[in-house]
Amino acid sequence: MLSCGEPSGDLYAGALTRELRRLAPGARVFGYGSQALADVGGELIGDFRGLSVTGITEVLRVLPRTYAMYRRLVAAARERRPDVFVAIDFPDFNFRLLASIRRLGIPIVYYISPQLWAWRAGRMATMKRAVDRVLVIFPFEEEIYRREGVDVRFVGHPLVELIPPPGDRAAFLREIGLDPAAPTVALLPGSRHNEVARILPTLARAVPRIAARVPGVQFVVAGAPNLGAGDFGALALAAPHRPVLVHARADDVLDAADVVVTASGTATVQAALHEKPMVIVYRVSPMSYRLGRRFVRVSTFGMVNLIAGETVVPELIQDDCTPEAVAEQAVAFLLDRVRADTARAALREVKRRLGGPGASARAAEAVLDVAFRSGGVPAPTSGPSPISPGN
């Protein structure tokens, strides 16, 4: 049984399920996810589309439906008795769910572990009490859990293997009506409806400011597959330089970009894997920011900066996220070749630290090992795969 509650988690759930079924043919997988999980044969007990939001106050609006989903999943676990339950990221929901699953005596693996080193460190006690094994995707996380006596495995980042090889940049830009010879800025405003509503207007207002300083610059927006055209009405604010909107082709968009302006989150790692200089932005409601900031234990928010151990790309968070600041940082990368090259070199090191391909297979082996120890399924046929550094 799997549980994930957002597009990136669904992507990882799909890749994990594919590897589980390869290693254990005939394995049945069910749970909470969306299209990527369903596409590889996972049975959806619930689909998170419409329930995935960020921010403390934003969660309150979907709380009744979220609680109904929680009860449905607990009932499914009680009825079907899975050999192992895998929580994938999404801690606010999954922490409540795994407590109920633990009371049923079902072994638990947490994959894409909560960022306890960044905020809400008190959750470590829950992890120690309720989880049989933690699978982490960032190298520095392994020691944090091991120090607390948690059974932990660093498996590497699944995006490393999911990023396709570079495509034909010129052909893609011509396909969407842009000039392959012109400087290109990619805008990634997030994958949740409320993220896009808060972030996209700022990015759209930054567009004419960038265009005024960089002759011929063009813009493309990567729309998450779970979002519709109605989520991008704010692009009208970019007139007369309205960006081209492309859905469900983020890797093509990133591959074509000279500079990326992206919402903080998984997209920053995706941009790093493409070695693209980026400006990280984020904004939630003022109340959510004030409430959440008290629990944050790190000085930077962007995952690439946390992995690097220093600020290698700029971050514009909350009140610092203005059209003027976004334009200033994007223009600096476009016009200053040394600055852009320095960022690319730092991102190559981030990419190396994420480990080589095979994260999903290593995660599947670790999950099946826990299921085997519970007496539910045969042991995996292959031993753990070594983690090799990325190139």
Protein backbone atom coordinates (compact mmCIF):
# COMPACT_ATOMS: atom_id res chain seq x y z
CA MET A 1 0.00 0.00 0.00
CA LEU A 2 1.32 3.44 -1.00
CA SER A 3 0.31 6.97 -0.01
CA CYS A 4 1.47 10.15 -1.74
CA GLY A 5 -0.37 13.43 -2.03
CA GLU A 6 1.24 15.62 -4.68
CA PRO A 7 2.52 15.38 -8.29
CA SER A 8 6.19 14.80 -7.43
CA GLY A 9 5.27 12.05 -4.98
CA ASP A 10 3.01 10.47 -7.59
CA LEU A 11 5.92 10.45 -10.05
CA TYR A 12 8.09 8.64 -7.51
CA ALA A 13 5.25 6.26 -6.60
CA GLY A 14 4.88 5.30 -10.25
CA ALA A 15 8.62 4.63 -10.61
CA LEU A 16 8.70 2.66 -7.35
CA THR A 17 5.70 0.56 -8.37
CA ARG A 18 7.30 -0.26 -11.70
CA GLU A 19 10.40 -1.55 -9.89
CA LEU A 20 8.39 -3.42 -7.25
CA ARG A 21 6.53 -5.30 -9.95
CA ARG A 22 9.75 -6.01 -11.82
CA LEU A 23 11.39 -7.49 -8.73
CA ALA A 24 8.24 -9.21 -7.48
CA PRO A 25 6.12 -10.14 -10.52
CA GLY A 26 2.45 -10.25 -9.65
CA ALA A 27 2.79 -7.79 -6.76
CA ARG A 28 -0.42 -5.89 -6.10
CA VAL A 29 -0.09 -2.17 -5.33
CA PHE A 30 -2.90 0.10 -4.20
CA GLY A 31 -3.36 3.36 -2.33
CA TYR A 32 -3.47 7.13 -2.57
CA GLY A 33 -1.92 8.79 -5.61
CA SER A 34 -2.82 9.97 -9.08
CA GLN A 35 -2.13 9.37 -12.76
CA ALA A 36 1.50 8.21 -12.60
CA LEU A 37 0.64 5.51 -10.07
CA ALA A 38 -2.40 4.42 -12.07
CA ASP A 39 -0.41 4.33 -15.33
CA VAL A 40 1.84 1.53 -14.01
CA GLY A 41 -1.01 -0.59 -12.69
CA GLY A 42 -1.46 0.82 -9.19
CA GLU A 43 -5.05 0.73 -7.96
CA LEU A 44 -6.20 4.14 -6.75
CA ILE A 45 -8.19 4.06 -3.54
CA GLY A 46 -8.15 7.85 -3.78
CA ASP A 47 -6.86 10.54 -6.15
CA PHE A 48 -5.26 13.60 -4.56
CA ARG A 49 -6.17 16.00 -7.35
CA GLY A 50 -8.07 18.90 -5.77
CA LEU A 51 -6.72 18.11 -2.29
CA SER A 52 -3.06 19.06 -2.73
CA VAL A 53 -2.33 22.52 -1.30
CA THR A 54 0.48 24.27 0.58
CA GLY A 55 0.33 26.52 3.60
CA ILE A 56 -1.26 26.11 7.01
CA THR A 57 -4.34 28.23 6.44
CA GLU A 58 -4.84 26.84 2.92
CA VAL A 59 -5.09 23.29 4.29
CA LEU A 60 -8.14 24.24 6.38
CA ARG A 61 -10.28 24.63 3.25
CA VAL A 62 -9.77 21.01 2.18
CA LEU A 63 -9.70 19.48 5.67
CA PRO A 64 -13.13 17.75 5.55
CA ARG A 65 -12.35 15.99 2.26
CA THR A 66 -8.84 15.14 3.44
CA TYR A 67 -10.17 13.52 6.60
CA ALA A 68 -12.66 11.50 4.54
CA MET A 69 -9.75 10.26 2.40
CA TYR A 70 -7.79 9.33 5.52
CA ARG A 71 -10.69 7.22 6.80
CA ARG A 72 -11.08 5.51 3.43
CA LEU A 73 -7.40 4.54 3.37
CA VAL A 74 -7.42 3.22 6.94
CA ALA A 75 -10.45 1.11 6.08
CA ALA A 76 -8.68 -0.24 2.98
CA ALA A 77 -5.60 -1.14 5.03
CA ARG A 78 -7.74 -2.89 7.65
CA GLU A 79 -9.58 -4.88 5.01
CA ARG A 80 -6.70 -5.77 2.68
CA ARG A 81 -3.86 -6.17 5.19
CA PRO A 82 -0.95 -5.14 2.90
CA ASP A 83 2.44 -6.74 3.53
CA VAL A 84 4.02 -3.30 3.77
CA PHE A 85 2.82 0.32 3.76
CA VAL A 86 4.98 2.94 2.01
CA ALA A 87 4.45 6.60 2.90
CA ILE A 88 5.90 8.86 0.20
CA ASP A 89 6.69 12.43 1.34
CA PHE A 90 3.47 14.43 2.14
CA PRO A 91 4.11 14.33 5.91
CA ASP A 92 1.14 16.31 7.23
CA PHE A 93 -1.24 13.68 5.87
CA ASN A 94 1.01 10.63 6.01
CA PHE A 95 2.02 11.09 9.65
CA ARG A 96 -1.57 10.76 10.76
CA LEU A 97 -2.13 7.85 8.40
CA LEU A 98 0.96 5.87 9.40
CA ALA A 99 -0.02 6.05 13.09
CA SER A 100 -3.27 4.27 12.25
CA ILE A 101 -1.51 1.80 9.97
CA ARG A 102 0.98 0.98 12.74
CA ARG A 103 -1.88 0.10 15.09
CA LEU A 104 -2.94 -2.52 12.53
CA GLY A 105 0.48 -4.19 12.86
CA ILE A 106 1.47 -3.47 9.24
CA PRO A 107 5.21 -2.78 8.59
CA ILE A 108 5.93 0.78 7.45
CA VAL A 109 8.57 2.27 5.16
CA TYR A 110 8.88 6.05 4.75
CA TYR A 111 10.22 6.97 1.30
CA ILE A 112 11.21 10.58 0.50
CA SER A 113 11.45 11.22 4.22
CA PRO A 114 10.11 14.36 5.92
CA GLN A 115 12.61 17.21 6.12
CA LEU A 116 12.97 16.99 9.89
CA TRP A 117 16.37 18.68 9.66
CA ALA A 118 14.63 21.77 8.24
CA TRP A 119 11.54 22.10 10.41
CA ARG A 120 9.34 20.34 12.99
CA ALA A 121 12.20 18.22 14.35
CA GLY A 122 9.86 16.86 17.03
CA ARG A 123 8.51 14.46 14.44
CA MET A 124 11.66 12.36 14.79
CA ALA A 125 10.09 10.70 17.84
CA THR A 126 7.16 9.59 15.67
CA MET A 127 9.51 8.25 13.02
CA LYS A 128 11.43 6.22 15.61
CA ARG A 129 8.23 4.84 17.10
CA ALA A 130 6.17 4.10 14.01
CA VAL A 131 8.46 3.47 11.02
CA ASP A 132 10.42 0.28 10.31
CA ARG A 133 12.72 1.84 7.71
CA VAL A 134 13.37 5.29 6.27
CA LEU A 135 14.57 5.73 2.68
CA VAL A 136 16.27 9.09 2.14
CA ILE A 137 17.13 10.76 -1.16
CA PHE A 138 19.69 13.33 -0.01
CA PRO A 139 23.10 12.16 1.22
CA PHE A 140 23.25 14.36 4.34
CA GLU A 141 19.96 12.92 5.66
CA GLU A 142 21.32 9.43 6.30
CA GLU A 143 23.54 10.45 9.24
CA ILE A 144 20.72 12.48 10.83
CA TYR A 145 18.45 9.42 11.06
CA ARG A 146 21.25 6.99 11.90
CA ARG A 147 22.29 9.20 14.81
CA GLU A 148 18.76 8.81 16.18
CA GLY A 149 18.88 5.03 15.89
CA VAL A 150 16.49 4.82 12.91
CA ASP A 151 16.92 2.07 10.28
CA VAL A 152 17.80 4.28 7.29
CA ARG A 153 19.01 3.77 3.72
CA PHE A 154 20.27 6.44 1.32
CA VAL A 155 18.89 5.31 -2.05
CA GLY A 156 19.65 8.41 -4.14
CA HIS A 157 17.22 10.76 -5.85
CA PRO A 158 14.69 9.12 -8.23
CA LEU A 159 14.68 12.17 -10.50
CA VAL A 160 18.22 11.31 -11.58
CA GLU A 161 16.91 8.34 -13.55
CA LEU A 162 13.62 9.97 -14.56
CA ILE A 163 15.20 12.98 -16.31
CA PRO A 164 15.31 12.17 -20.04
CA PRO A 165 18.46 12.78 -22.08
CA PRO A 166 18.65 16.23 -23.72
CA GLY A 167 16.32 16.57 -26.66
CA ASP A 168 16.44 18.75 -29.75
CA ARG A 169 16.24 22.21 -28.17
CA ALA A 170 15.89 24.05 -31.47
CA ALA A 171 13.11 21.76 -32.69
CA PHE A 172 11.17 22.14 -29.43
CA LEU A 173 11.39 25.93 -29.49
CA ARG A 174 10.32 26.06 -33.13
CA GLU A 175 7.43 23.70 -32.32
CA ILE A 176 6.05 26.12 -29.72
CA GLY A 177 6.64 29.17 -31.95
CA LEU A 178 9.81 30.52 -30.35
CA ASP A 179 13.21 31.42 -31.79
CA PRO A 180 16.03 28.92 -31.03
CA ALA A 181 18.58 31.74 -31.29
CA ALA A 182 16.90 34.02 -28.74
CA PRO A 183 17.59 34.01 -24.96
CA THR A 184 14.91 31.94 -23.22
CA VAL A 185 13.55 32.20 -19.69
CA ALA A 186 11.53 29.30 -18.25
CA LEU A 187 8.91 30.00 -15.58
CA LEU A 188 7.83 27.17 -13.25
CA PRO A 189 5.22 28.60 -10.86
CA GLY A 190 4.45 25.38 -8.96
CA SER A 191 2.28 22.29 -9.25
CA ARG A 192 -0.59 23.15 -6.88
CA HIS A 193 -3.49 25.46 -7.64
CA ASN A 194 -2.87 27.73 -4.66
CA GLU A 195 0.89 27.91 -5.39
CA VAL A 196 0.28 29.10 -8.93
CA ALA A 197 -2.36 31.59 -7.78
CA ARG A 198 0.11 33.23 -5.38
CA ILE A 199 3.32 33.01 -7.43
CA LEU A 200 2.38 33.39 -11.10
CA PRO A 201 1.17 37.03 -10.94
CA THR A 202 4.59 38.09 -9.62
CA LEU A 203 6.40 36.15 -12.35
CA ALA A 204 4.09 37.57 -15.02
CA ARG A 205 4.76 41.14 -13.85
CA ALA A 206 8.50 40.42 -13.94
CA VAL A 207 8.34 39.45 -17.63
CA PRO A 208 8.10 42.99 -19.16
CA ARG A 209 10.82 44.18 -16.76
CA ILE A 210 13.16 41.46 -18.03
CA ALA A 211 12.20 42.15 -21.66
CA ALA A 212 13.03 45.84 -21.23
CA ARG A 213 16.64 44.98 -20.35
CA VAL A 214 17.35 41.91 -22.50
CA PRO A 215 16.67 42.42 -26.22
CA GLY A 216 14.80 39.56 -27.91
CA VAL A 217 14.24 37.57 -24.72
CA GLN A 218 11.37 35.08 -24.84
CA PHE A 219 9.45 33.22 -22.14
CA VAL A 220 7.92 29.76 -21.72
CA VAL A 221 5.86 28.48 -18.79
CA ALA A 222 5.94 24.82 -17.71
CA GLY A 223 2.42 23.90 -16.62
CA ALA A 224 2.13 20.89 -14.31
CA PRO A 225 0.03 18.08 -15.81
CA ASN A 226 -2.59 18.32 -13.04
CA LEU A 227 -3.29 22.00 -13.77
CA GLY A 228 -5.61 23.45 -16.39
CA ALA A 229 -5.55 26.54 -18.58
CA GLY A 230 -7.71 28.35 -16.01
CA ASP A 231 -4.84 28.29 -13.52
CA PHE A 232 -2.73 30.49 -15.81
CA GLY A 233 -4.98 33.50 -16.39
CA ALA A 234 -2.40 35.72 -14.65
CA LEU A 235 -0.14 35.35 -17.70
CA ALA A 236 -2.14 38.23 -19.19
CA LEU A 237 -0.22 40.47 -16.77
CA ALA A 238 2.92 39.81 -18.84
CA ALA A 239 1.57 41.73 -21.85
CA PRO A 240 2.90 42.56 -24.38
CA HIS A 241 5.39 39.71 -23.84
CA ARG A 242 2.96 36.92 -22.93
CA PRO A 243 4.87 33.65 -22.36
CA VAL A 244 4.06 30.44 -24.20
CA LEU A 245 2.33 27.92 -21.93
CA VAL A 246 3.37 24.27 -22.33
CA HIS A 247 1.69 21.55 -20.27
CA ALA A 248 3.31 18.33 -18.98
CA ARG A 249 6.67 18.90 -20.70
CA ALA A 250 8.78 20.39 -17.92
CA ASP A 251 11.95 18.62 -19.00
CA ASP A 252 11.65 19.99 -22.55
CA VAL A 253 11.06 23.47 -21.13
CA LEU A 254 14.06 23.22 -18.80
CA ASP A 255 16.26 21.82 -21.54
CA ALA A 256 15.42 24.81 -23.74
CA ALA A 257 15.94 27.49 -21.07
CA ASP A 258 18.94 29.72 -20.49
CA VAL A 259 17.61 30.77 -17.08
CA VAL A 260 14.85 29.30 -14.91
CA VAL A 261 12.58 31.05 -12.42
CA THR A 262 11.03 28.31 -10.32
CA ALA A 263 8.89 27.78 -7.26
CA SER A 264 10.80 26.19 -4.40
CA GLY A 265 10.38 22.42 -4.27
CA THR A 266 11.11 19.42 -6.45
CA ALA A 267 11.36 21.62 -9.56
CA THR A 268 14.58 23.13 -8.19
CA VAL A 269 16.19 19.67 -8.16
CA GLN A 270 14.84 19.05 -11.65
CA ALA A 271 16.39 22.31 -12.87
CA ALA A 272 19.68 21.39 -11.17
CA LEU A 273 19.76 18.06 -12.99
CA HIS A 274 19.48 20.07 -16.21
CA GLU A 275 22.31 22.30 -14.86
CA LYS A 276 20.27 25.47 -15.40
CA PRO A 277 20.96 28.71 -13.51
CA MET A 278 17.82 29.46 -11.53
CA VAL A 279 16.04 31.95 -9.33
CA ILE A 280 14.03 30.25 -6.57
CA VAL A 281 10.78 31.94 -5.53
CA TYR A 282 8.01 31.16 -3.09
CA ARG A 283 5.02 32.75 -1.40
CA VAL A 284 2.20 31.49 0.83
CA SER A 285 -0.49 33.43 2.67
CA PRO A 286 0.89 35.92 5.21
CA MET A 287 -0.69 34.00 8.08
CA SER A 288 0.76 30.66 6.90
CA TYR A 289 4.20 32.24 6.60
CA ARG A 290 4.08 33.77 10.09
CA LEU A 291 2.89 30.52 11.65
CA GLY A 292 5.25 28.25 9.72
CA ARG A 293 8.39 30.40 10.00
CA ARG A 294 8.56 29.74 13.75
CA PHE A 295 9.24 26.04 13.09
CA VAL A 296 11.89 26.44 10.37
CA ARG A 297 15.45 25.56 11.41
CA VAL A 298 17.39 26.38 8.22
CA SER A 299 18.54 29.69 6.75
CA THR A 300 17.81 28.73 3.13
CA PHE A 301 14.73 27.14 1.56
CA GLY A 302 15.88 25.97 -1.88
CA MET A 303 16.79 22.31 -1.95
CA VAL A 304 19.77 22.87 -4.25
CA ASN A 305 21.26 25.36 -1.77
CA LEU A 306 20.70 22.95 1.11
CA ILE A 307 22.44 20.14 -0.79
CA ALA A 308 25.30 22.44 -1.80
CA GLY A 309 25.72 23.66 1.78
CA GLU A 310 25.82 27.26 0.54
CA THR A 311 23.75 29.69 -1.51
CA VAL A 312 24.61 28.85 -5.12
CA VAL A 313 21.41 30.31 -6.60
CA PRO A 314 19.31 33.22 -5.28
CA GLU A 315 16.13 32.73 -3.25
CA LEU A 316 13.26 35.21 -3.16
CA ILE A 317 10.86 34.11 -0.44
CA GLN A 318 7.59 35.76 0.66
CA ASP A 319 8.02 39.58 0.86
CA ASP A 320 11.31 39.37 -1.07
CA CYS A 321 9.45 37.81 -4.00
CA THR A 322 8.60 40.92 -6.03
CA PRO A 323 8.50 41.50 -9.81
CA GLU A 324 11.47 43.86 -9.52
CA ALA A 325 13.62 41.37 -7.57
CA VAL A 326 12.73 38.46 -9.87
CA ALA A 327 13.65 40.54 -12.93
CA GLU A 328 16.90 41.73 -11.36
CA GLN A 329 18.10 38.19 -10.60
CA ALA A 330 17.01 36.73 -13.93
CA VAL A 331 18.66 39.54 -15.89
CA ALA A 332 21.89 39.09 -13.94
CA PHE A 333 22.11 35.47 -15.09
CA LEU A 334 21.22 36.39 -18.68
CA LEU A 335 23.77 39.19 -19.02
CA ASP A 336 26.61 37.98 -16.78
CA ARG A 337 28.19 34.90 -18.36
CA VAL A 338 30.62 34.38 -15.47
CA ARG A 339 27.80 34.36 -12.94
CA ALA A 340 25.80 31.88 -15.02
CA ASP A 341 28.81 29.59 -15.54
CA THR A 342 29.60 29.65 -11.81
CA ALA A 343 26.04 28.60 -11.00
CA ARG A 344 26.17 25.80 -13.57
CA ALA A 345 29.39 24.44 -12.05
CA ALA A 346 27.85 24.47 -8.57
CA LEU A 347 24.74 22.70 -9.86
CA ARG A 348 26.88 19.98 -11.44
CA GLU A 349 28.27 19.28 -7.97
CA VAL A 350 24.71 19.18 -6.56
CA LYS A 351 23.84 16.71 -9.30
CA ARG A 352 26.83 14.53 -8.40
CA ARG A 353 25.80 14.43 -4.74
CA LEU A 354 22.34 13.13 -5.62
CA GLY A 355 23.77 9.73 -6.59
CA GLY A 356 23.65 7.79 -9.83
CA PRO A 357 20.67 6.17 -11.56
CA GLY A 358 18.80 3.31 -9.89
CA ALA A 359 17.19 5.05 -6.89
CA SER A 360 13.75 3.56 -7.56
CA ALA A 361 15.18 0.04 -7.85
CA ARG A 362 17.14 0.46 -4.61
CA ALA A 363 14.02 1.77 -2.90
CA ALA A 364 11.98 -1.18 -4.19
CA GLU A 365 14.56 -3.64 -2.88
CA ALA A 366 14.48 -1.98 0.54
CA VAL A 367 10.67 -2.05 0.61
CA LEU A 368 10.51 -5.73 -0.36
CA ASP A 369 13.12 -6.54 2.26
CA VAL A 370 10.84 -5.10 4.97
CA ALA A 371 7.87 -6.99 3.55
CA PHE A 372 9.94 -10.20 3.50
CA ARG A 373 10.96 -9.77 7.11
CA SER A 374 7.28 -9.52 8.02
CA GLY A 375 6.74 -12.95 6.45
CA GLY A 376 4.42 -11.69 3.75
CA VAL A 377 6.34 -12.08 0.48
CA PRO A 378 9.39 -13.89 -0.93
CA ALA A 379 12.74 -12.16 -0.66
CA PRO A 380 13.84 -10.02 -3.65
CA THR A 381 15.86 -11.93 -6.20
CA SER A 382 18.67 -9.36 -6.41
CA GLY A 383 20.85 -7.79 -3.74
CA PRO A 384 21.03 -4.09 -3.00
CA SER A 385 22.34 -2.00 -5.87
CA PRO A 386 25.38 0.16 -5.16
CA ILE A 387 24.98 3.90 -5.28
CA SER A 388 27.39 5.49 -7.71
CA PRO A 389 27.96 9.23 -7.91
CA GLY A 390 26.39 11.07 -10.80
CA ASN A 391 28.51 12.52 -13.55
